[in-house]
Amino acid sequence: MIPVSKTLETDIAVVGGGIGGLCAAIAAAEGGARVMVLEKANTKRSGSGATGNDHFCLLYTSPSPRDA
């Protein structure tokens, strides 16, 4: 077991950095929640979101049709 070095507090813990997990984390953060994404490995290589991070920036920073 890995020893605990510090305690972190969050409103929502999303387990997994895949597309669904990242979308859920972004939506919760936009709603004002303090969100933590828990991923098993280096986020540059693990989870399906790792290969699409550049797409998230485009999707979540572009004006949405629902905002019009």
PDB file of N, CA and C in Angstrom:
ATOM      1  N   MET A   1       0.838  -1.175   0.000  1.00  0.00           N
ATOM      2  CA  MET A   1       0.000   0.000   0.000  1.00  0.00           C
ATOM      3  C   MET A   1       0.888   1.244   0.000  1.00  0.00           C
ATOM      4  N   ILE A   2       0.489   2.236  -0.753  1.00  0.00           N
ATOM      5  CA  ILE A   2       1.245   3.487  -0.828  1.00  0.00           C
ATOM      6  C   ILE A   2       0.915   4.326   0.410  1.00  0.00           C
ATOM      7  N   PRO A   3       1.932   4.818   1.107  1.00  0.00           N
ATOM      8  CA  PRO A   3       1.655   5.641   2.286  1.00  0.00           C
ATOM      9  C   PRO A   3       1.046   6.988   1.890  1.00  0.00           C
ATOM     10  N   VAL A   4       0.146   7.482   2.711  1.00  0.00           N
ATOM     11  CA  VAL A   4      -0.505   8.765   2.467  1.00  0.00           C
ATOM     12  C   VAL A   4       0.393   9.873   3.006  1.00  0.00           C
ATOM     13  N   SER A   5       0.764  10.819   2.122  1.00  0.00           N
ATOM     14  CA  SER A   5       1.647  11.906   2.547  1.00  0.00           C
ATOM     15  C   SER A   5       0.876  13.183   2.864  1.00  0.00           C
ATOM     16  N   LYS A   6      -0.291  13.354   2.252  1.00  0.00           N
ATOM     17  CA  LYS A   6      -1.133  14.504   2.580  1.00  0.00           C
ATOM     18  C   LYS A   6      -2.570  14.202   2.188  1.00  0.00           C
ATOM     19  N   THR A   7      -3.475  14.915   2.785  1.00  0.00           N
ATOM     20  CA  THR A   7      -4.902  14.755   2.508  1.00  0.00           C
ATOM     21  C   THR A   7      -5.349  15.878   1.588  1.00  0.00           C
ATOM     22  N   LEU A   8      -6.079  15.520   0.551  1.00  0.00           N
ATOM     23  CA  LEU A   8      -6.628  16.504  -0.384  1.00  0.00           C
ATOM     24  C   LEU A   8      -8.138  16.538  -0.232  1.00  0.00           C
ATOM     25  N   GLU A   9      -8.727  17.727  -0.352  1.00  0.00           N
ATOM     26  CA  GLU A   9     -10.181  17.861  -0.250  1.00  0.00           C
ATOM     27  C   GLU A   9     -10.750  18.292  -1.591  1.00  0.00           C
ATOM     28  N   THR A  10     -11.890  17.708  -1.932  1.00  0.00           N
ATOM     29  CA  THR A  10     -12.555  18.025  -3.195  1.00  0.00           C
ATOM     30  C   THR A  10     -14.053  17.797  -3.031  1.00  0.00           C
ATOM     31  N   ASP A  11     -14.840  18.424  -3.882  1.00  0.00           N
ATOM     32  CA  ASP A  11     -16.283  18.167  -3.879  1.00  0.00           C
ATOM     33  C   ASP A  11     -16.596  16.898  -4.657  1.00  0.00           C
ATOM     34  N   ILE A  12     -15.883  16.713  -5.777  1.00  0.00           N
ATOM     35  CA  ILE A  12     -16.134  15.570  -6.655  1.00  0.00           C
ATOM     36  C   ILE A  12     -14.803  14.952  -7.054  1.00  0.00           C
ATOM     37  N   ALA A  13     -14.702  13.632  -6.932  1.00  0.00           N
ATOM     38  CA  ALA A  13     -13.540  12.895  -7.419  1.00  0.00           C
ATOM     39  C   ALA A  13     -13.979  12.074  -8.618  1.00  0.00           C
ATOM     40  N   VAL A  14     -13.395  12.357  -9.759  1.00  0.00           N
ATOM     41  CA  VAL A  14     -13.693  11.619 -10.977  1.00  0.00           C
ATOM     42  C   VAL A  14     -12.607  10.559 -11.142  1.00  0.00           C
ATOM     43  N   VAL A  15     -13.003   9.304 -11.198  1.00  0.00           N
ATOM     44  CA  VAL A  15     -12.044   8.212 -11.331  1.00  0.00           C
ATOM     45  C   VAL A  15     -11.893   7.868 -12.803  1.00  0.00           C
ATOM     46  N   GLY A  16     -10.726   8.182 -13.355  1.00  0.00           N
ATOM     47  CA  GLY A  16     -10.435   7.882 -14.748  1.00  0.00           C
ATOM     48  C   GLY A  16     -10.403   9.133 -15.609  1.00  0.00           C
ATOM     49  N   GLY A  17      -9.355   9.233 -16.418  1.00  0.00           N
ATOM     50  CA  GLY A  17      -9.183  10.393 -17.287  1.00  0.00           C
ATOM     51  C   GLY A  17      -9.561  10.120 -18.725  1.00  0.00           C
ATOM     52  N   GLY A  18     -10.543   9.261 -18.919  1.00  0.00           N
ATOM     53  CA  GLY A  18     -11.048   9.020 -20.272  1.00  0.00           C
ATOM     54  C   GLY A  18     -11.934  10.173 -20.708  1.00  0.00           C
ATOM     55  N   ILE A  19     -12.459  10.069 -21.891  1.00  0.00           N
ATOM     56  CA  ILE A  19     -13.297  11.138 -22.447  1.00  0.00           C
ATOM     57  C   ILE A  19     -14.483  11.452 -21.528  1.00  0.00           C
ATOM     58  N   GLY A  20     -15.191  10.422 -21.084  1.00  0.00           N
ATOM     59  CA  GLY A  20     -16.351  10.636 -20.216  1.00  0.00           C
ATOM     60  C   GLY A  20     -15.965  11.264 -18.894  1.00  0.00           C
ATOM     61  N   GLY A  21     -14.871  10.790 -18.303  1.00  0.00           N
ATOM     62  CA  GLY A  21     -14.416  11.335 -17.029  1.00  0.00           C
ATOM     63  C   GLY A  21     -14.012  12.792 -17.145  1.00  0.00           C
ATOM     64  N   LEU A  22     -13.298  13.121 -18.209  1.00  0.00           N
ATOM     65  CA  LEU A  22     -12.868  14.506 -18.390  1.00  0.00           C
ATOM     66  C   LEU A  22     -14.050  15.429 -18.676  1.00  0.00           C
ATOM     67  N   CYS A  23     -14.996  14.969 -19.466  1.00  0.00           N
ATOM     68  CA  CYS A  23     -16.189  15.781 -19.734  1.00  0.00           C
ATOM     69  C   CYS A  23     -16.982  16.006 -18.448  1.00  0.00           C
ATOM     70  N   ALA A  24     -17.109  14.966 -17.632  1.00  0.00           N
ATOM     71  CA  ALA A  24     -17.814  15.100 -16.351  1.00  0.00           C
ATOM     72  C   ALA A  24     -17.082  16.067 -15.438  1.00  0.00           C
ATOM     73  N   ALA A  25     -15.759  15.982 -15.401  1.00  0.00           N
ATOM     74  CA  ALA A  25     -14.964  16.867 -14.559  1.00  0.00           C
ATOM     75  C   ALA A  25     -15.097  18.323 -14.999  1.00  0.00           C
ATOM     76  N   ILE A  26     -15.053  18.554 -16.294  1.00  0.00           N
ATOM     77  CA  ILE A  26     -15.182  19.920 -16.818  1.00  0.00           C
ATOM     78  C   ILE A  26     -16.566  20.477 -16.493  1.00  0.00           C
ATOM     79  N   ALA A  27     -17.614  19.676 -16.709  1.00  0.00           N
ATOM     80  CA  ALA A  27     -18.980  20.133 -16.431  1.00  0.00           C
ATOM     81  C   ALA A  27     -19.151  20.447 -14.949  1.00  0.00           C
ATOM     82  N   ALA A  28     -18.614  19.599 -14.087  1.00  0.00           N
ATOM     83  CA  ALA A  28     -18.733  19.845 -12.644  1.00  0.00           C
ATOM     84  C   ALA A  28     -17.972  21.102 -12.239  1.00  0.00           C
ATOM     85  N   ALA A  29     -16.794  21.296 -12.802  1.00  0.00           N
ATOM     86  CA  ALA A  29     -16.012  22.498 -12.485  1.00  0.00           C
ATOM     87  C   ALA A  29     -16.712  23.759 -12.978  1.00  0.00           C
ATOM     88  N   GLU A  30     -17.315  23.677 -14.160  1.00  0.00           N
ATOM     89  CA  GLU A  30     -18.064  24.829 -14.675  1.00  0.00           C
ATOM     90  C   GLU A  30     -19.264  25.142 -13.783  1.00  0.00           C
ATOM     91  N   GLY A  31     -19.772  24.132 -13.091  1.00  0.00           N
ATOM     92  CA  GLY A  31     -20.881  24.322 -12.161  1.00  0.00           C
ATOM     93  C   GLY A  31     -20.441  24.803 -10.788  1.00  0.00           C
ATOM     94  N   GLY A  32     -19.141  24.989 -10.605  1.00  0.00           N
ATOM     95  CA  GLY A  32     -18.636  25.538  -9.347  1.00  0.00           C
ATOM     96  C   GLY A  32     -18.056  24.525  -8.379  1.00  0.00           C
ATOM     97  N   ALA A  33     -18.038  23.264  -8.741  1.00  0.00           N
ATOM     98  CA  ALA A  33     -17.494  22.235  -7.845  1.00  0.00           C
ATOM     99  C   ALA A  33     -15.966  22.227  -7.900  1.00  0.00           C
ATOM    100  N   ARG A  34     -15.370  21.858  -6.786  1.00  0.00           N
ATOM    101  CA  ARG A  34     -13.926  21.609  -6.752  1.00  0.00           C
ATOM    102  C   ARG A  34     -13.752  20.154  -7.193  1.00  0.00           C
ATOM    103  N   VAL A  35     -13.061  19.956  -8.304  1.00  0.00           N
ATOM    104  CA  VAL A  35     -12.991  18.637  -8.930  1.00  0.00           C
ATOM    105  C   VAL A  35     -11.553  18.127  -8.952  1.00  0.00           C
ATOM    106  N   MET A  36     -11.415  16.824  -8.720  1.00  0.00           N
ATOM    107  CA  MET A  36     -10.127  16.160  -8.835  1.00  0.00           C
ATOM    108  C   MET A  36     -10.306  14.951  -9.744  1.00  0.00           C
ATOM    109  N   VAL A  37      -9.435  14.830 -10.751  1.00  0.00           N
ATOM    110  CA  VAL A  37      -9.460  13.669 -11.640  1.00  0.00           C
ATOM    111  C   VAL A  37      -8.372  12.705 -11.175  1.00  0.00           C
ATOM    112  N   LEU A  38      -8.761  11.476 -10.893  1.00  0.00           N
ATOM    113  CA  LEU A  38      -7.823  10.452 -10.439  1.00  0.00           C
ATOM    114  C   LEU A  38      -7.514   9.528 -11.609  1.00  0.00           C
ATOM    115  N   GLU A  39      -6.251   9.464 -11.984  1.00  0.00           N
ATOM    116  CA  GLU A  39      -5.826   8.655 -13.123  1.00  0.00           C
ATOM    117  C   GLU A  39      -4.727   7.708 -12.669  1.00  0.00           C
ATOM    118  N   LYS A  40      -4.704   6.510 -13.218  1.00  0.00           N
ATOM    119  CA  LYS A  40      -3.789   5.470 -12.768  1.00  0.00           C
ATOM    120  C   LYS A  40      -2.348   5.679 -13.208  1.00  0.00           C
ATOM    121  N   ALA A  41      -2.103   6.476 -14.210  1.00  0.00           N
ATOM    122  CA  ALA A  41      -0.751   6.623 -14.742  1.00  0.00           C
ATOM    123  C   ALA A  41      -0.541   8.054 -15.232  1.00  0.00           C
ATOM    124  N   ASN A  42       0.568   8.274 -15.888  1.00  0.00           N
ATOM    125  CA  ASN A  42       0.900   9.586 -16.429  1.00  0.00           C
ATOM    126  C   ASN A  42      -0.223  10.053 -17.358  1.00  0.00           C
ATOM    127  N   THR A  43      -0.723  11.247 -17.129  1.00  0.00           N
ATOM    128  CA  THR A  43      -1.876  11.738 -17.893  1.00  0.00           C
ATOM    129  C   THR A  43      -1.557  12.028 -19.358  1.00  0.00           C
ATOM    130  N   LYS A  44      -0.285  12.040 -19.724  1.00  0.00           N
ATOM    131  CA  LYS A  44       0.072  12.228 -21.134  1.00  0.00           C
ATOM    132  C   LYS A  44      -0.066  10.928 -21.922  1.00  0.00           C
ATOM    133  N   ARG A  45      -0.162   9.784 -21.210  1.00  0.00           N
ATOM    134  CA  ARG A  45      -0.211   8.512 -21.905  1.00  0.00           C
ATOM    135  C   ARG A  45      -1.351   7.599 -21.486  1.00  0.00           C
ATOM    136  N   SER A  46      -2.045   7.918 -20.424  1.00  0.00           N
ATOM    137  CA  SER A  46      -3.049   7.004 -19.893  1.00  0.00           C
ATOM    138  C   SER A  46      -4.447   7.578 -20.052  1.00  0.00           C
ATOM    139  N   GLY A  47      -5.401   6.721 -20.305  1.00  0.00           N
ATOM    140  CA  GLY A  47      -6.789   7.168 -20.483  1.00  0.00           C
ATOM    141  C   GLY A  47      -7.021   7.633 -21.899  1.00  0.00           C
ATOM    142  N   SER A  48      -8.224   7.473 -22.385  1.00  0.00           N
ATOM    143  CA  SER A  48      -8.499   7.868 -23.763  1.00  0.00           C
ATOM    144  C   SER A  48      -8.474   9.381 -23.942  1.00  0.00           C
ATOM    145  N   GLY A  49      -8.558  10.127 -22.848  1.00  0.00           N
ATOM    146  CA  GLY A  49      -8.461  11.584 -22.952  1.00  0.00           C
ATOM    147  C   GLY A  49      -7.058  12.059 -23.247  1.00  0.00           C
ATOM    148  N   ALA A  50      -6.057  11.223 -22.957  1.00  0.00           N
ATOM    149  CA  ALA A  50      -4.664  11.617 -23.154  1.00  0.00           C
ATOM    150  C   ALA A  50      -4.365  11.944 -24.611  1.00  0.00           C
ATOM    151  N   THR A  51      -4.942  11.203 -25.525  1.00  0.00           N
ATOM    152  CA  THR A  51      -4.658  11.434 -26.939  1.00  0.00           C
ATOM    153  C   THR A  51      -5.544  12.511 -27.543  1.00  0.00           C
ATOM    154  N   GLY A  52      -6.506  13.024 -26.800  1.00  0.00           N
ATOM    155  CA  GLY A  52      -7.418  14.014 -27.357  1.00  0.00           C
ATOM    156  C   GLY A  52      -7.456  15.317 -26.587  1.00  0.00           C
ATOM    157  N   ASN A  53      -6.443  15.583 -25.753  1.00  0.00           N
ATOM    158  CA  ASN A  53      -6.462  16.802 -24.945  1.00  0.00           C
ATOM    159  C   ASN A  53      -6.540  18.062 -25.781  1.00  0.00           C
ATOM    160  N   ASP A  54      -5.912  18.073 -26.957  1.00  0.00           N
ATOM    161  CA  ASP A  54      -5.987  19.259 -27.803  1.00  0.00           C
ATOM    162  C   ASP A  54      -7.414  19.502 -28.278  1.00  0.00           C
ATOM    163  N   HIS A  55      -8.216  18.454 -28.433  1.00  0.00           N
ATOM    164  CA  HIS A  55      -9.599  18.598 -28.864  1.00  0.00           C
ATOM    165  C   HIS A  55     -10.472  19.200 -27.759  1.00  0.00           C
ATOM    166  N   PHE A  56     -10.176  18.872 -26.501  1.00  0.00           N
ATOM    167  CA  PHE A  56     -10.955  19.415 -25.388  1.00  0.00           C
ATOM    168  C   PHE A  56     -10.819  20.931 -25.330  1.00  0.00           C
ATOM    169  N   CYS A  57      -9.607  21.435 -25.572  1.00  0.00           N
ATOM    170  CA  CYS A  57      -9.387  22.878 -25.547  1.00  0.00           C
ATOM    171  C   CYS A  57     -10.273  23.557 -26.581  1.00  0.00           C
ATOM    172  N   LEU A  58     -10.357  23.004 -27.760  1.00  0.00           N
ATOM    173  CA  LEU A  58     -11.191  23.573 -28.815  1.00  0.00           C
ATOM    174  C   LEU A  58     -12.668  23.496 -28.442  1.00  0.00           C
ATOM    175  N   LEU A  59     -13.090  22.349 -27.954  1.00  0.00           N
ATOM    176  CA  LEU A  59     -14.498  22.141 -27.633  1.00  0.00           C
ATOM    177  C   LEU A  59     -14.968  23.050 -26.499  1.00  0.00           C
ATOM    178  N   TYR A  60     -14.177  23.176 -25.460  1.00  0.00           N
ATOM    179  CA  TYR A  60     -14.627  23.898 -24.275  1.00  0.00           C
ATOM    180  C   TYR A  60     -14.276  25.381 -24.257  1.00  0.00           C
ATOM    181  N   THR A  61     -13.526  25.858 -25.248  1.00  0.00           N
ATOM    182  CA  THR A  61     -13.235  27.295 -25.283  1.00  0.00           C
ATOM    183  C   THR A  61     -13.962  27.996 -26.428  1.00  0.00           C
ATOM    184  N   SER A  62     -14.542  27.240 -27.351  1.00  0.00           N
ATOM    185  CA  SER A  62     -15.288  27.842 -28.453  1.00  0.00           C
ATOM    186  C   SER A  62     -16.695  28.208 -27.969  1.00  0.00           C
ATOM    187  N   PRO A  63     -17.277  29.264 -28.514  1.00  0.00           N
ATOM    188  CA  PRO A  63     -18.652  29.598 -28.136  1.00  0.00           C
ATOM    189  C   PRO A  63     -19.589  28.438 -28.459  1.00  0.00           C
ATOM    190  N   SER A  64     -20.472  28.163 -27.563  1.00  0.00           N
ATOM    191  CA  SER A  64     -21.422  27.076 -27.749  1.00  0.00           C
ATOM    192  C   SER A  64     -22.708  27.604 -28.347  1.00  0.00           C
ATOM    193  N   PRO A  65     -23.364  26.838 -29.224  1.00  0.00           N
ATOM    194  CA  PRO A  65     -24.653  27.271 -29.775  1.00  0.00           C
ATOM    195  C   PRO A  65     -25.686  27.511 -28.660  1.00  0.00           C
ATOM    196  N   ARG A  66     -25.583  26.801 -27.554  1.00  0.00           N
ATOM    197  CA  ARG A  66     -26.534  26.986 -26.457  1.00  0.00           C
ATOM    198  C   ARG A  66     -26.306  28.293 -25.706  1.00  0.00           C
ATOM    199  N   ASP A  67     -25.106  28.928 -25.914  1.00  0.00           N
ATOM    200  CA  ASP A  67     -24.813  30.205 -25.275  1.00  0.00           C
ATOM    201  C   ASP A  67     -25.327  31.379 -26.077  1.00  0.00           C
ATOM    202  N   ALA A  68     -25.768  31.120 -27.300  1.00  0.00           N
ATOM    203  CA  ALA A  68     -26.206  32.218 -28.191  1.00  0.00           C
ATOM    204  C   ALA A  68     -27.555  32.757 -27.764  1.00  0.00           C
TER     205      ALA A  68
END
